[in-house]
Protein backbone atom coordinates (compact mmCIF):
# COMPACT_ATOMS: atom_id res chain seq x y z
CA UNK A 1 52.87 97.87 120.31
CA UNK A 2 52.75 94.39 118.80
CA UNK A 3 50.89 93.24 115.69
CA UNK A 4 48.03 91.68 117.63
CA UNK A 5 47.29 94.98 119.36
CA UNK A 6 47.44 96.87 116.07
CA UNK A 7 45.10 94.43 114.33
CA UNK A 8 42.62 94.60 117.22
CA UNK A 9 42.30 98.36 116.65
CA UNK A 10 40.50 97.62 113.36
CA UNK A 11 36.76 97.00 113.35
CA UNK A 12 37.00 94.68 110.32
CA UNK A 13 39.46 92.40 112.11
CA UNK A 14 37.27 92.28 115.21
CA UNK A 15 34.29 91.41 112.98
CA UNK A 16 36.33 88.57 111.43
CA UNK A 17 37.14 87.19 114.90
CA UNK A 18 33.46 87.43 115.86
CA UNK A 19 32.48 85.56 112.70
CA UNK A 20 34.62 82.60 113.82
CA UNK A 21 33.76 83.15 117.52
CA UNK A 22 37.43 83.64 118.42
CA UNK A 23 38.23 85.52 121.62
CA UNK A 24 41.10 88.02 121.22
CA UNK A 25 42.90 86.57 124.25
CA UNK A 26 43.09 83.21 122.44
CA UNK A 27 44.72 84.72 119.34
CA UNK A 28 48.27 83.90 118.19
CA UNK A 29 50.07 85.28 115.15
CA UNK A 30 52.36 82.43 114.12
CA UNK A 31 56.03 83.43 113.78
CA UNK A 32 55.23 87.04 114.69
CA UNK A 33 58.80 87.58 115.88
CA UNK A 34 60.16 86.51 112.45
CA UNK A 35 57.97 88.77 110.33
CA UNK A 36 60.27 91.77 110.52
CA UNK A 37 63.60 89.97 110.44
CA UNK A 38 65.45 90.94 107.31
CA UNK A 39 63.12 93.84 106.55
CA UNK A 40 65.16 96.86 105.57
CA UNK A 41 63.81 100.20 106.67
CA UNK A 42 64.23 102.82 104.08
CA UNK A 43 62.04 104.13 101.29
CA UNK A 44 59.51 101.36 101.70
CA UNK A 45 58.13 101.22 105.23
CA UNK A 46 55.27 98.89 104.32
CA UNK A 47 55.58 95.20 105.09
CA UNK A 48 53.44 92.68 103.21
CA UNK A 49 53.80 89.16 104.57
CA UNK A 50 51.83 85.90 104.42
CA UNK A 51 50.81 84.86 107.92
CA UNK A 52 48.81 82.31 109.84
CA UNK A 53 46.71 83.55 112.73
CA UNK A 54 45.46 80.89 115.14
CA UNK A 55 42.60 81.14 117.58
CA UNK A 56 40.41 78.86 119.65
CA UNK A 57 36.68 78.70 120.08
CA UNK A 58 34.23 76.18 121.61
CA UNK A 59 34.53 73.93 118.56
CA UNK A 60 38.34 73.77 118.37
CA UNK A 61 41.29 75.44 116.70
CA UNK A 62 40.80 77.91 113.85
CA UNK A 63 43.66 78.85 111.52
CA UNK A 64 43.22 81.99 109.42
CA UNK A 65 45.60 82.24 106.47
CA UNK A 66 46.19 85.49 104.64
CA UNK A 67 48.34 88.52 104.05
CA UNK A 68 49.37 91.00 106.70
CA UNK A 69 49.86 94.57 105.51
CA UNK A 70 51.77 96.65 108.07
CA UNK A 71 52.84 100.27 107.78
CA UNK A 72 55.91 100.78 109.95
CA UNK A 73 55.62 104.58 110.03
CA UNK A 74 51.97 104.99 110.93
CA UNK A 75 51.76 101.78 112.99
CA UNK A 76 48.75 100.42 111.09
CA UNK A 77 48.09 96.76 110.41
CA UNK A 78 45.50 95.08 108.19
CA UNK A 79 44.88 91.36 107.72
CA UNK A 80 43.55 90.19 104.36
CA UNK A 81 42.20 86.66 104.81
CA UNK A 82 42.48 84.13 101.97
CA UNK A 83 41.29 80.97 103.72
CA UNK A 84 40.39 79.40 107.05
CA UNK A 85 40.80 75.92 108.47
CA UNK A 86 38.94 74.43 111.43
CA UNK A 87 40.34 71.59 113.49
CA UNK A 88 38.25 69.91 116.17
CA UNK A 89 39.92 69.29 119.49
CA UNK A 90 39.80 65.77 120.95
CA UNK A 91 37.23 65.34 123.71
C-alpha cells in the first residue's frame, strides 16, 4: 500500500481535498519514492517528513505543503498541512 492510499483512508485528509476541490485521482505526493530512502528500521518505526502534495482542480494546480507522519508498523499516515499555494493554469 502506498502513501496516497493510506492518506485517503483518513476522513480529515479527504475533507482537506474537498476543501480545495481536489479529486483523489489527480493527487501526487512529490518525491514519494525518496521519503523512505535512508530511513533505518529499528526502535523508531515512525517517519516524519516534510512533503509537497500536488493536486489539480478546475482553477489550476494546488500545492499543499506540510508534514507527513507515517507509522511503518501500523501502516497509518497523517498529513499535517502548513500552507497551500494555488497556481492558475494557462488558458
